[in-house]
Amino acid sequence: MQATALENGIFISDKALERVHALLQEEGRGPEYFVRVSVVSGGCSGLSYKMDFDNSTKPTDQVFEDKGMKIVTDFKSVLYLFNTTLDYSDGLNGKGFHFINPNASRTCACGESFSV
């Protein structure tokens, strides 16, 4: 999955964008909602990804936009997420969102956690 030419952003693949729009519609959330991603301690590799929908930003949030989708993260998490792409898979090997993170030096087998 190739991200756009922007540097130091957080990106979303076409497939993830399509799924996010579908979920927002299914849940009856309006256009003011965006994707909030963060990194939290935990998981077998030390750090885990967290993804939610939100409709309000905090003063220290870092805001990115890719393909018309607003992607927001907290100040601490952005250090781990530069140039990361949120992707979605619906294949036989697993269904769901996952992160393509060039900063991760190691990931666990399930792909839910990482270390740098």
PDB file of N, CA and C in Angstrom:
ATOM      1  N   MET A   1       0.845  -1.175   0.000  1.00  0.00           N
ATOM      2  CA  MET A   1       0.000   0.000   0.000  1.00  0.00           C
ATOM      3  C   MET A   1       0.886   1.232   0.000  1.00  0.00           C
ATOM      4  N   GLN A   2       0.789   2.052  -0.989  1.00  0.00           N
ATOM      5  CA  GLN A   2       1.622   3.236  -1.103  1.00  0.00           C
ATOM      6  C   GLN A   2       0.883   4.440  -0.547  1.00  0.00           C
ATOM      7  N   ALA A   3       1.507   5.153   0.362  1.00  0.00           N
ATOM      8  CA  ALA A   3       0.925   6.371   0.918  1.00  0.00           C
ATOM      9  C   ALA A   3       1.156   7.517  -0.060  1.00  0.00           C
ATOM     10  N   THR A   4       0.465   8.619   0.178  1.00  0.00           N
ATOM     11  CA  THR A   4       0.648   9.774  -0.684  1.00  0.00           C
ATOM     12  C   THR A   4       2.033  10.362  -0.452  1.00  0.00           C
ATOM     13  N   ALA A   5       2.405  11.353  -1.220  1.00  0.00           N
ATOM     14  CA  ALA A   5       3.753  11.902  -1.183  1.00  0.00           C
ATOM     15  C   ALA A   5       4.033  12.777   0.036  1.00  0.00           C
ATOM     16  N   LEU A   6       3.049  13.019   0.869  1.00  0.00           N
ATOM     17  CA  LEU A   6       3.280  13.823   2.064  1.00  0.00           C
ATOM     18  C   LEU A   6       4.264  13.120   2.984  1.00  0.00           C
ATOM     19  N   GLU A   7       5.043  13.891   3.715  1.00  0.00           N
ATOM     20  CA  GLU A   7       5.982  13.298   4.662  1.00  0.00           C
ATOM     21  C   GLU A   7       5.458  13.470   6.078  1.00  0.00           C
ATOM     22  N   ASN A   8       5.787  12.517   6.936  1.00  0.00           N
ATOM     23  CA  ASN A   8       5.463  12.593   8.358  1.00  0.00           C
ATOM     24  C   ASN A   8       3.983  12.790   8.637  1.00  0.00           C
ATOM     25  N   GLY A   9       3.172  12.035   7.944  1.00  0.00           N
ATOM     26  CA  GLY A   9       1.742  12.074   8.185  1.00  0.00           C
ATOM     27  C   GLY A   9       1.247  10.733   8.669  1.00  0.00           C
ATOM     28  N   ILE A  10      -0.043  10.652   8.870  1.00  0.00           N
ATOM     29  CA  ILE A  10      -0.718   9.388   9.114  1.00  0.00           C
ATOM     30  C   ILE A  10      -1.695   9.237   7.964  1.00  0.00           C
ATOM     31  N   PHE A  11      -1.680   8.086   7.323  1.00  0.00           N
ATOM     32  CA  PHE A  11      -2.410   7.888   6.089  1.00  0.00           C
ATOM     33  C   PHE A  11      -3.480   6.812   6.248  1.00  0.00           C
ATOM     34  N   ILE A  12      -4.383   6.756   5.271  1.00  0.00           N
ATOM     35  CA  ILE A  12      -5.438   5.749   5.260  1.00  0.00           C
ATOM     36  C   ILE A  12      -5.515   5.159   3.861  1.00  0.00           C
ATOM     37  N   SER A  13      -5.585   3.846   3.778  1.00  0.00           N
ATOM     38  CA  SER A  13      -5.692   3.193   2.471  1.00  0.00           C
ATOM     39  C   SER A  13      -7.112   3.355   1.935  1.00  0.00           C
ATOM     40  N   ASP A  14      -7.278   3.136   0.644  1.00  0.00           N
ATOM     41  CA  ASP A  14      -8.601   3.233   0.034  1.00  0.00           C
ATOM     42  C   ASP A  14      -9.578   2.244   0.674  1.00  0.00           C
ATOM     43  N   LYS A  15      -9.102   1.039   0.933  1.00  0.00           N
ATOM     44  CA  LYS A  15      -9.955   0.001   1.518  1.00  0.00           C
ATOM     45  C   LYS A  15     -10.376   0.375   2.950  1.00  0.00           C
ATOM     46  N   ALA A  16      -9.452   0.914   3.739  1.00  0.00           N
ATOM     47  CA  ALA A  16      -9.786   1.346   5.099  1.00  0.00           C
ATOM     48  C   ALA A  16     -10.746   2.532   5.060  1.00  0.00           C
ATOM     49  N   LEU A  17     -10.534   3.447   4.139  1.00  0.00           N
ATOM     50  CA  LEU A  17     -11.420   4.600   3.997  1.00  0.00           C
ATOM     51  C   LEU A  17     -12.844   4.158   3.688  1.00  0.00           C
ATOM     52  N   GLU A  18     -12.970   3.223   2.781  1.00  0.00           N
ATOM     53  CA  GLU A  18     -14.284   2.683   2.418  1.00  0.00           C
ATOM     54  C   GLU A  18     -14.963   2.057   3.640  1.00  0.00           C
ATOM     55  N   ARG A  19     -14.201   1.283   4.419  1.00  0.00           N
ATOM     56  CA  ARG A  19     -14.766   0.612   5.607  1.00  0.00           C
ATOM     57  C   ARG A  19     -15.125   1.625   6.694  1.00  0.00           C
ATOM     58  N   VAL A  20     -14.296   2.645   6.892  1.00  0.00           N
ATOM     59  CA  VAL A  20     -14.591   3.690   7.883  1.00  0.00           C
ATOM     60  C   VAL A  20     -15.896   4.389   7.518  1.00  0.00           C
ATOM     61  N   HIS A  21     -16.053   4.753   6.249  1.00  0.00           N
ATOM     62  CA  HIS A  21     -17.294   5.409   5.820  1.00  0.00           C
ATOM     63  C   HIS A  21     -18.505   4.507   6.068  1.00  0.00           C
ATOM     64  N   ALA A  22     -18.367   3.221   5.773  1.00  0.00           N
ATOM     65  CA  ALA A  22     -19.468   2.275   5.994  1.00  0.00           C
ATOM     66  C   ALA A  22     -19.819   2.176   7.478  1.00  0.00           C
ATOM     67  N   LEU A  23     -18.808   2.093   8.336  1.00  0.00           N
ATOM     68  CA  LEU A  23     -19.056   1.993   9.780  1.00  0.00           C
ATOM     69  C   LEU A  23     -19.709   3.260  10.327  1.00  0.00           C
ATOM     70  N   LEU A  24     -19.222   4.415   9.889  1.00  0.00           N
ATOM     71  CA  LEU A  24     -19.813   5.674  10.342  1.00  0.00           C
ATOM     72  C   LEU A  24     -21.286   5.746   9.942  1.00  0.00           C
ATOM     73  N   GLN A  25     -21.586   5.298   8.741  1.00  0.00           N
ATOM     74  CA  GLN A  25     -22.974   5.310   8.272  1.00  0.00           C
ATOM     75  C   GLN A  25     -23.819   4.311   9.062  1.00  0.00           C
ATOM     76  N   GLU A  26     -23.303   3.089   9.272  1.00  0.00           N
ATOM     77  CA  GLU A  26     -24.025   2.068  10.035  1.00  0.00           C
ATOM     78  C   GLU A  26     -24.341   2.537  11.451  1.00  0.00           C
ATOM     79  N   GLU A  27     -23.412   3.270  12.055  1.00  0.00           N
ATOM     80  CA  GLU A  27     -23.582   3.743  13.429  1.00  0.00           C
ATOM     81  C   GLU A  27     -24.332   5.069  13.500  1.00  0.00           C
ATOM     82  N   GLY A  28     -24.722   5.616  12.345  1.00  0.00           N
ATOM     83  CA  GLY A  28     -25.477   6.864  12.315  1.00  0.00           C
ATOM     84  C   GLY A  28     -24.679   8.083  12.754  1.00  0.00           C
ATOM     85  N   ARG A  29     -23.390   8.059  12.540  1.00  0.00           N
ATOM     86  CA  ARG A  29     -22.529   9.186  12.909  1.00  0.00           C
ATOM     87  C   ARG A  29     -22.398  10.132  11.731  1.00  0.00           C
ATOM     88  N   GLY A  30     -22.443  11.417  12.013  1.00  0.00           N
ATOM     89  CA  GLY A  30     -22.410  12.437  10.979  1.00  0.00           C
ATOM     90  C   GLY A  30     -21.016  12.759  10.482  1.00  0.00           C
ATOM     91  N   PRO A  31     -20.933  13.738   9.586  1.00  0.00           N
ATOM     92  CA  PRO A  31     -19.656  14.110   8.962  1.00  0.00           C
ATOM     93  C   PRO A  31     -18.675  14.781   9.923  1.00  0.00           C
ATOM     94  N   GLU A  32     -19.116  15.142  11.118  1.00  0.00           N
ATOM     95  CA  GLU A  32     -18.210  15.745  12.094  1.00  0.00           C
ATOM     96  C   GLU A  32     -17.302  14.708  12.769  1.00  0.00           C
ATOM     97  N   TYR A  33     -17.574  13.429  12.545  1.00  0.00           N
ATOM     98  CA  TYR A  33     -16.761  12.371  13.154  1.00  0.00           C
ATOM     99  C   TYR A  33     -15.521  12.103  12.324  1.00  0.00           C
ATOM    100  N   PHE A  34     -14.464  11.705  13.017  1.00  0.00           N
ATOM    101  CA  PHE A  34     -13.187  11.391  12.383  1.00  0.00           C
ATOM    102  C   PHE A  34     -12.587  10.175  13.068  1.00  0.00           C
ATOM    103  N   VAL A  35     -11.467   9.705  12.532  1.00  0.00           N
ATOM    104  CA  VAL A  35     -10.758   8.560  13.098  1.00  0.00           C
ATOM    105  C   VAL A  35      -9.720   9.071  14.090  1.00  0.00           C
ATOM    106  N   ARG A  36      -9.764   8.536  15.302  1.00  0.00           N
ATOM    107  CA  ARG A  36      -8.746   8.835  16.320  1.00  0.00           C
ATOM    108  C   ARG A  36      -7.917   7.573  16.507  1.00  0.00           C
ATOM    109  N   VAL A  37      -6.600   7.704  16.315  1.00  0.00           N
ATOM    110  CA  VAL A  37      -5.686   6.584  16.518  1.00  0.00           C
ATOM    111  C   VAL A  37      -4.700   6.965  17.623  1.00  0.00           C
ATOM    112  N   SER A  38      -4.269   5.964  18.360  1.00  0.00           N
ATOM    113  CA  SER A  38      -3.286   6.225  19.413  1.00  0.00           C
ATOM    114  C   SER A  38      -2.479   4.965  19.670  1.00  0.00           C
ATOM    115  N   VAL A  39      -1.430   5.138  20.434  1.00  0.00           N
ATOM    116  CA  VAL A  39      -0.567   4.046  20.854  1.00  0.00           C
ATOM    117  C   VAL A  39      -0.629   3.988  22.372  1.00  0.00           C
ATOM    118  N   VAL A  40      -0.879   2.788  22.897  1.00  0.00           N
ATOM    119  CA  VAL A  40      -0.969   2.590  24.343  1.00  0.00           C
ATOM    120  C   VAL A  40      -0.009   1.476  24.750  1.00  0.00           C
ATOM    121  N   SER A  41       0.389   1.480  26.006  1.00  0.00           N
ATOM    122  CA  SER A  41       1.247   0.414  26.516  1.00  0.00           C
ATOM    123  C   SER A  41       0.452  -0.875  26.591  1.00  0.00           C
ATOM    124  N   GLY A  42       1.112  -1.964  26.238  1.00  0.00           N
ATOM    125  CA  GLY A  42       0.458  -3.257  26.338  1.00  0.00           C
ATOM    126  C   GLY A  42       0.752  -4.134  25.146  1.00  0.00           C
ATOM    127  N   GLY A  43       0.211  -5.317  25.192  1.00  0.00           N
ATOM    128  CA  GLY A  43       0.428  -6.278  24.119  1.00  0.00           C
ATOM    129  C   GLY A  43       1.732  -7.019  24.325  1.00  0.00           C
ATOM    130  N   CYS A  44       1.907  -8.084  23.580  1.00  0.00           N
ATOM    131  CA  CYS A  44       3.089  -8.922  23.781  1.00  0.00           C
ATOM    132  C   CYS A  44       4.379  -8.286  23.276  1.00  0.00           C
ATOM    133  N   SER A  45       4.290  -7.242  22.452  1.00  0.00           N
ATOM    134  CA  SER A  45       5.507  -6.567  21.986  1.00  0.00           C
ATOM    135  C   SER A  45       5.765  -5.248  22.703  1.00  0.00           C
ATOM    136  N   GLY A  46       4.869  -4.838  23.597  1.00  0.00           N
ATOM    137  CA  GLY A  46       5.108  -3.639  24.401  1.00  0.00           C
ATOM    138  C   GLY A  46       4.186  -2.470  24.131  1.00  0.00           C
ATOM    139  N   LEU A  47       3.776  -2.268  22.874  1.00  0.00           N
ATOM    140  CA  LEU A  47       2.900  -1.160  22.508  1.00  0.00           C
ATOM    141  C   LEU A  47       1.762  -1.692  21.639  1.00  0.00           C
ATOM    142  N   SER A  48       0.573  -1.121  21.809  1.00  0.00           N
ATOM    143  CA  SER A  48      -0.589  -1.539  21.026  1.00  0.00           C
ATOM    144  C   SER A  48      -1.255  -0.337  20.379  1.00  0.00           C
ATOM    145  N   TYR A  49      -1.928  -0.595  19.279  1.00  0.00           N
ATOM    146  CA  TYR A  49      -2.680   0.442  18.586  1.00  0.00           C
ATOM    147  C   TYR A  49      -4.098   0.508  19.148  1.00  0.00           C
ATOM    148  N   LYS A  50      -4.648   1.706  19.126  1.00  0.00           N
ATOM    149  CA  LYS A  50      -6.037   1.904  19.522  1.00  0.00           C
ATOM    150  C   LYS A  50      -6.679   2.786  18.453  1.00  0.00           C
ATOM    151  N   MET A  51      -7.903   2.442  18.073  1.00  0.00           N
ATOM    152  CA  MET A  51      -8.616   3.209  17.058  1.00  0.00           C
ATOM    153  C   MET A  51     -10.053   3.398  17.500  1.00  0.00           C
ATOM    154  N   ASP A  52     -10.552   4.634  17.389  1.00  0.00           N
ATOM    155  CA  ASP A  52     -11.927   4.970  17.745  1.00  0.00           C
ATOM    156  C   ASP A  52     -12.446   6.010  16.770  1.00  0.00           C
ATOM    157  N   PHE A  53     -13.742   6.270  16.858  1.00  0.00           N
ATOM    158  CA  PHE A  53     -14.327   7.418  16.186  1.00  0.00           C
ATOM    159  C   PHE A  53     -14.546   8.491  17.234  1.00  0.00           C
ATOM    160  N   ASP A  54     -14.346   9.744  16.854  1.00  0.00           N
ATOM    161  CA  ASP A  54     -14.479  10.866  17.789  1.00  0.00           C
ATOM    162  C   ASP A  54     -15.028  12.056  17.015  1.00  0.00           C
ATOM    163  N   ASN A  55     -15.520  13.037  17.755  1.00  0.00           N
ATOM    164  CA  ASN A  55     -16.013  14.246  17.086  1.00  0.00           C
ATOM    165  C   ASN A  55     -15.532  15.527  17.744  1.00  0.00           C
ATOM    166  N   SER A  56     -14.544  15.395  18.649  1.00  0.00           N
ATOM    167  CA  SER A  56     -13.968  16.601  19.246  1.00  0.00           C
ATOM    168  C   SER A  56     -12.467  16.414  19.437  1.00  0.00           C
ATOM    169  N   THR A  57     -11.743  17.490  19.198  1.00  0.00           N
ATOM    170  CA  THR A  57     -10.291  17.444  19.355  1.00  0.00           C
ATOM    171  C   THR A  57      -9.879  18.133  20.644  1.00  0.00           C
ATOM    172  N   LYS A  58      -8.694  17.778  21.110  1.00  0.00           N
ATOM    173  CA  LYS A  58      -8.101  18.386  22.300  1.00  0.00           C
ATOM    174  C   LYS A  58      -7.004  19.354  21.843  1.00  0.00           C
ATOM    175  N   PRO A  59      -6.646  20.314  22.683  1.00  0.00           N
ATOM    176  CA  PRO A  59      -5.650  21.316  22.269  1.00  0.00           C
ATOM    177  C   PRO A  59      -4.304  20.738  21.815  1.00  0.00           C
ATOM    178  N   THR A  60      -3.892  19.605  22.361  1.00  0.00           N
ATOM    179  CA  THR A  60      -2.587  19.040  22.008  1.00  0.00           C
ATOM    180  C   THR A  60      -2.672  17.971  20.921  1.00  0.00           C
ATOM    181  N   ASP A  61      -3.855  17.727  20.366  1.00  0.00           N
ATOM    182  CA  ASP A  61      -3.996  16.733  19.300  1.00  0.00           C
ATOM    183  C   ASP A  61      -3.228  17.138  18.056  1.00  0.00           C
ATOM    184  N   GLN A  62      -2.758  16.147  17.347  1.00  0.00           N
ATOM    185  CA  GLN A  62      -2.115  16.335  16.057  1.00  0.00           C
ATOM    186  C   GLN A  62      -3.125  15.883  15.002  1.00  0.00           C
ATOM    187  N   VAL A  63      -3.440  16.746  14.058  1.00  0.00           N
ATOM    188  CA  VAL A  63      -4.489  16.481  13.078  1.00  0.00           C
ATOM    189  C   VAL A  63      -3.878  16.314  11.686  1.00  0.00           C
ATOM    190  N   PHE A  64      -4.257  15.238  11.023  1.00  0.00           N
ATOM    191  CA  PHE A  64      -3.811  14.943   9.664  1.00  0.00           C
ATOM    192  C   PHE A  64      -5.051  14.713   8.806  1.00  0.00           C
ATOM    193  N   GLU A  65      -4.887  14.825   7.516  1.00  0.00           N
ATOM    194  CA  GLU A  65      -5.976  14.503   6.601  1.00  0.00           C
ATOM    195  C   GLU A  65      -5.402  13.774   5.401  1.00  0.00           C
ATOM    196  N   ASP A  66      -6.051  12.677   5.050  1.00  0.00           N
ATOM    197  CA  ASP A  66      -5.652  11.916   3.870  1.00  0.00           C
ATOM    198  C   ASP A  66      -6.908  11.440   3.168  1.00  0.00           C
ATOM    199  N   LYS A  67      -6.980  11.657   1.870  1.00  0.00           N
ATOM    200  CA  LYS A  67      -8.121  11.246   1.047  1.00  0.00           C
ATOM    201  C   LYS A  67      -9.438  11.802   1.584  1.00  0.00           C
ATOM    202  N   GLY A  68      -9.384  12.990   2.188  1.00  0.00           N
ATOM    203  CA  GLY A  68     -10.584  13.621   2.713  1.00  0.00           C
ATOM    204  C   GLY A  68     -10.996  13.144   4.095  1.00  0.00           C
ATOM    205  N   MET A  69     -10.254  12.221   4.690  1.00  0.00           N
ATOM    206  CA  MET A  69     -10.574  11.714   6.030  1.00  0.00           C
ATOM    207  C   MET A  69      -9.651  12.358   7.051  1.00  0.00           C
ATOM    208  N   LYS A  70     -10.228  12.919   8.076  1.00  0.00           N
ATOM    209  CA  LYS A  70      -9.468  13.513   9.166  1.00  0.00           C
ATOM    210  C   LYS A  70      -9.017  12.387  10.099  1.00  0.00           C
ATOM    211  N   ILE A  71      -7.720  12.369  10.399  1.00  0.00           N
ATOM    212  CA  ILE A  71      -7.123  11.376  11.287  1.00  0.00           C
ATOM    213  C   ILE A  71      -6.420  12.145  12.390  1.00  0.00           C
ATOM    214  N   VAL A  72      -6.774  11.854  13.637  1.00  0.00           N
ATOM    215  CA  VAL A  72      -6.285  12.617  14.781  1.00  0.00           C
ATOM    216  C   VAL A  72      -5.572  11.678  15.743  1.00  0.00           C
ATOM    217  N   THR A  73      -4.490  12.165  16.338  1.00  0.00           N
ATOM    218  CA  THR A  73      -3.772  11.402  17.346  1.00  0.00           C
ATOM    219  C   THR A  73      -3.280  12.355  18.433  1.00  0.00           C
ATOM    220  N   ASP A  74      -2.950  11.804  19.567  1.00  0.00           N
ATOM    221  CA  ASP A  74      -2.424  12.628  20.652  1.00  0.00           C
ATOM    222  C   ASP A  74      -0.944  12.909  20.417  1.00  0.00           C
ATOM    223  N   PHE A  75      -0.425  13.884  21.139  1.00  0.00           N
ATOM    224  CA  PHE A  75       0.950  14.352  20.943  1.00  0.00           C
ATOM    225  C   PHE A  75       1.976  13.245  21.162  1.00  0.00           C
ATOM    226  N   LYS A  76       1.762  12.388  22.159  1.00  0.00           N
ATOM    227  CA  LYS A  76       2.716  11.314  22.449  1.00  0.00           C
ATOM    228  C   LYS A  76       2.698  10.239  21.356  1.00  0.00           C
ATOM    229  N   SER A  77       1.513   9.862  20.907  1.00  0.00           N
ATOM    230  CA  SER A  77       1.383   8.778  19.931  1.00  0.00           C
ATOM    231  C   SER A  77       1.943   9.132  18.566  1.00  0.00           C
ATOM    232  N   VAL A  78       1.898  10.405  18.209  1.00  0.00           N
ATOM    233  CA  VAL A  78       2.340  10.795  16.869  1.00  0.00           C
ATOM    234  C   VAL A  78       3.805  10.415  16.636  1.00  0.00           C
ATOM    235  N   LEU A  79       4.600  10.366  17.677  1.00  0.00           N
ATOM    236  CA  LEU A  79       6.009   9.983  17.540  1.00  0.00           C
ATOM    237  C   LEU A  79       6.162   8.552  17.039  1.00  0.00           C
ATOM    238  N   TYR A  80       5.207   7.678  17.374  1.00  0.00           N
ATOM    239  CA  TYR A  80       5.245   6.281  16.939  1.00  0.00           C
ATOM    240  C   TYR A  80       4.535   6.066  15.603  1.00  0.00           C
ATOM    241  N   LEU A  81       3.725   7.031  15.190  1.00  0.00           N
ATOM    242  CA  LEU A  81       2.839   6.822  14.043  1.00  0.00           C
ATOM    243  C   LEU A  81       3.210   7.573  12.778  1.00  0.00           C
ATOM    244  N   PHE A  82       4.303   8.352  12.791  1.00  0.00           N
ATOM    245  CA  PHE A  82       4.699   9.060  11.574  1.00  0.00           C
ATOM    246  C   PHE A  82       4.813   8.083  10.405  1.00  0.00           C
ATOM    247  N   ASN A  83       4.199   8.449   9.290  1.00  0.00           N
ATOM    248  CA  ASN A  83       4.230   7.677   8.043  1.00  0.00           C
ATOM    249  C   ASN A  83       3.551   6.310   8.132  1.00  0.00           C
ATOM    250  N   THR A  84       2.683   6.137   9.105  1.00  0.00           N
ATOM    251  CA  THR A  84       1.913   4.911   9.251  1.00  0.00           C
ATOM    252  C   THR A  84       0.645   5.001   8.412  1.00  0.00           C
ATOM    253  N   THR A  85       0.247   3.881   7.843  1.00  0.00           N
ATOM    254  CA  THR A  85      -0.985   3.804   7.061  1.00  0.00           C
ATOM    255  C   THR A  85      -1.969   2.883   7.760  1.00  0.00           C
ATOM    256  N   LEU A  86      -3.182   3.383   7.962  1.00  0.00           N
ATOM    257  CA  LEU A  86      -4.278   2.561   8.470  1.00  0.00           C
ATOM    258  C   LEU A  86      -4.841   1.800   7.279  1.00  0.00           C
ATOM    259  N   ASP A  87      -4.879   0.483   7.381  1.00  0.00           N
ATOM    260  CA  ASP A  87      -5.351  -0.355   6.290  1.00  0.00           C
ATOM    261  C   ASP A  87      -6.476  -1.247   6.798  1.00  0.00           C
ATOM    262  N   TYR A  88      -7.165  -1.884   5.864  1.00  0.00           N
ATOM    263  CA  TYR A  88      -8.255  -2.797   6.214  1.00  0.00           C
ATOM    264  C   TYR A  88      -8.143  -4.023   5.329  1.00  0.00           C
ATOM    265  N   SER A  89      -8.330  -5.184   5.945  1.00  0.00           N
ATOM    266  CA  SER A  89      -8.280  -6.439   5.211  1.00  0.00           C
ATOM    267  C   SER A  89      -9.564  -7.210   5.454  1.00  0.00           C
ATOM    268  N   ASP A  90     -10.100  -7.797   4.404  1.00  0.00           N
ATOM    269  CA  ASP A  90     -11.273  -8.653   4.571  1.00  0.00           C
ATOM    270  C   ASP A  90     -11.018 -10.025   3.965  1.00  0.00           C
ATOM    271  N   GLY A  91      -9.747 -10.389   3.928  1.00  0.00           N
ATOM    272  CA  GLY A  91      -9.341 -11.650   3.319  1.00  0.00           C
ATOM    273  C   GLY A  91      -9.436 -12.835   4.260  1.00  0.00           C
ATOM    274  N   LEU A  92      -9.018 -13.977   3.774  1.00  0.00           N
ATOM    275  CA  LEU A  92      -9.067 -15.218   4.538  1.00  0.00           C
ATOM    276  C   LEU A  92      -8.093 -15.237   5.705  1.00  0.00           C
ATOM    277  N   ASN A  93      -7.039 -14.434   5.636  1.00  0.00           N
ATOM    278  CA  ASN A  93      -6.038 -14.413   6.703  1.00  0.00           C
ATOM    279  C   ASN A  93      -6.435 -13.532   7.872  1.00  0.00           C
ATOM    280  N   GLY A  94      -7.606 -12.982   7.850  1.00  0.00           N
ATOM    281  CA  GLY A  94      -8.052 -12.136   8.947  1.00  0.00           C
ATOM    282  C   GLY A  94      -8.781 -10.918   8.427  1.00  0.00           C
ATOM    283  N   LYS A  95      -9.774 -10.516   9.165  1.00  0.00           N
ATOM    284  CA  LYS A  95     -10.601  -9.392   8.774  1.00  0.00           C
ATOM    285  C   LYS A  95     -10.443  -8.302   9.814  1.00  0.00           C
ATOM    286  N   GLY A  96     -10.233  -7.091   9.360  1.00  0.00           N
ATOM    287  CA  GLY A  96     -10.176  -5.977  10.288  1.00  0.00           C
ATOM    288  C   GLY A  96      -9.145  -4.943   9.904  1.00  0.00           C
ATOM    289  N   PHE A  97      -9.097  -3.898  10.729  1.00  0.00           N
ATOM    290  CA  PHE A  97      -8.137  -2.820  10.523  1.00  0.00           C
ATOM    291  C   PHE A  97      -6.772  -3.248  11.040  1.00  0.00           C
ATOM    292  N   HIS A  98      -5.742  -2.783  10.366  1.00  0.00           N
ATOM    293  CA  HIS A  98      -4.384  -2.993  10.850  1.00  0.00           C
ATOM    294  C   HIS A  98      -3.531  -1.810  10.397  1.00  0.00           C
ATOM    295  N   PHE A  99      -2.398  -1.666  11.032  1.00  0.00           N
ATOM    296  CA  PHE A  99      -1.515  -0.533  10.793  1.00  0.00           C
ATOM    297  C   PHE A  99      -0.256  -0.997  10.080  1.00  0.00           C
ATOM    298  N   ILE A 100       0.103  -0.297   9.021  1.00  0.00           N
ATOM    299  CA  ILE A 100       1.369  -0.532   8.326  1.00  0.00           C
ATOM    300  C   ILE A 100       2.305   0.557   8.826  1.00  0.00           C
ATOM    301  N   ASN A 101       3.173   0.177   9.759  1.00  0.00           N
ATOM    302  CA  ASN A 101       3.988   1.141  10.484  1.00  0.00           C
ATOM    303  C   ASN A 101       5.473   0.925  10.194  1.00  0.00           C
ATOM    304  N   PRO A 102       6.089   1.825   9.425  1.00  0.00           N
ATOM    305  CA  PRO A 102       7.516   1.670   9.111  1.00  0.00           C
ATOM    306  C   PRO A 102       8.418   1.909  10.324  1.00  0.00           C
ATOM    307  N   ASN A 103       7.872   2.441  11.413  1.00  0.00           N
ATOM    308  CA  ASN A 103       8.659   2.711  12.618  1.00  0.00           C
ATOM    309  C   ASN A 103       8.780   1.487  13.518  1.00  0.00           C
ATOM    310  N   ALA A 104       7.953   0.478  13.291  1.00  0.00           N
ATOM    311  CA  ALA A 104       7.949  -0.708  14.150  1.00  0.00           C
ATOM    312  C   ALA A 104       9.143  -1.592  13.815  1.00  0.00           C
ATOM    313  N   SER A 105       9.953  -1.874  14.821  1.00  0.00           N
ATOM    314  CA  SER A 105      11.094  -2.755  14.593  1.00  0.00           C
ATOM    315  C   SER A 105      10.705  -4.217  14.787  1.00  0.00           C
ATOM    316  N   ARG A 106       9.608  -4.444  15.514  1.00  0.00           N
ATOM    317  CA  ARG A 106       9.144  -5.813  15.769  1.00  0.00           C
ATOM    318  C   ARG A 106       7.641  -5.767  16.001  1.00  0.00           C
ATOM    319  N   THR A 107       6.930  -6.746  15.474  1.00  0.00           N
ATOM    320  CA  THR A 107       5.498  -6.875  15.735  1.00  0.00           C
ATOM    321  C   THR A 107       5.223  -8.277  16.238  1.00  0.00           C
ATOM    322  N   CYS A 108       4.128  -8.426  16.952  1.00  0.00           N
ATOM    323  CA  CYS A 108       3.768  -9.771  17.418  1.00  0.00           C
ATOM    324  C   CYS A 108       3.101 -10.529  16.276  1.00  0.00           C
ATOM    325  N   ALA A 109       2.886 -11.800  16.471  1.00  0.00           N
ATOM    326  CA  ALA A 109       2.332 -12.652  15.417  1.00  0.00           C
ATOM    327  C   ALA A 109       0.945 -12.209  14.973  1.00  0.00           C
ATOM    328  N   CYS A 110       0.145 -11.701  15.896  1.00  0.00           N
ATOM    329  CA  CYS A 110      -1.217 -11.291  15.546  1.00  0.00           C
ATOM    330  C   CYS A 110      -1.251  -9.901  14.939  1.00  0.00           C
ATOM    331  N   GLY A 111      -0.157  -9.134  15.043  1.00  0.00           N
ATOM    332  CA  GLY A 111      -0.103  -7.805  14.456  1.00  0.00           C
ATOM    333  C   GLY A 111      -0.763  -6.726  15.281  1.00  0.00           C
ATOM    334  N   GLU A 112      -1.188  -7.054  16.486  1.00  0.00           N
ATOM    335  CA  GLU A 112      -1.882  -6.083  17.335  1.00  0.00           C
ATOM    336  C   GLU A 112      -0.933  -5.234  18.172  1.00  0.00           C
ATOM    337  N   SER A 113       0.296  -5.674  18.326  1.00  0.00           N
ATOM    338  CA  SER A 113       1.246  -4.888  19.124  1.00  0.00           C
ATOM    339  C   SER A 113       2.587  -4.824  18.408  1.00  0.00           C
ATOM    340  N   PHE A 114       3.420  -3.875  18.871  1.00  0.00           N
ATOM    341  CA  PHE A 114       4.710  -3.633  18.212  1.00  0.00           C
ATOM    342  C   PHE A 114       5.685  -3.036  19.190  1.00  0.00           C
ATOM    343  N   SER A 115       6.928  -2.942  18.763  1.00  0.00           N
ATOM    344  CA  SER A 115       7.948  -2.220  19.516  1.00  0.00           C
ATOM    345  C   SER A 115       8.780  -1.411  18.525  1.00  0.00           C
ATOM    346  N   VAL A 116       9.471  -0.402  19.046  1.00  0.00           N
ATOM    347  CA  VAL A 116      10.305   0.440  18.194  1.00  0.00           C
ATOM    348  C   VAL A 116      11.748   0.358  18.636  1.00  0.00           C
TER     349      VAL A 116
END
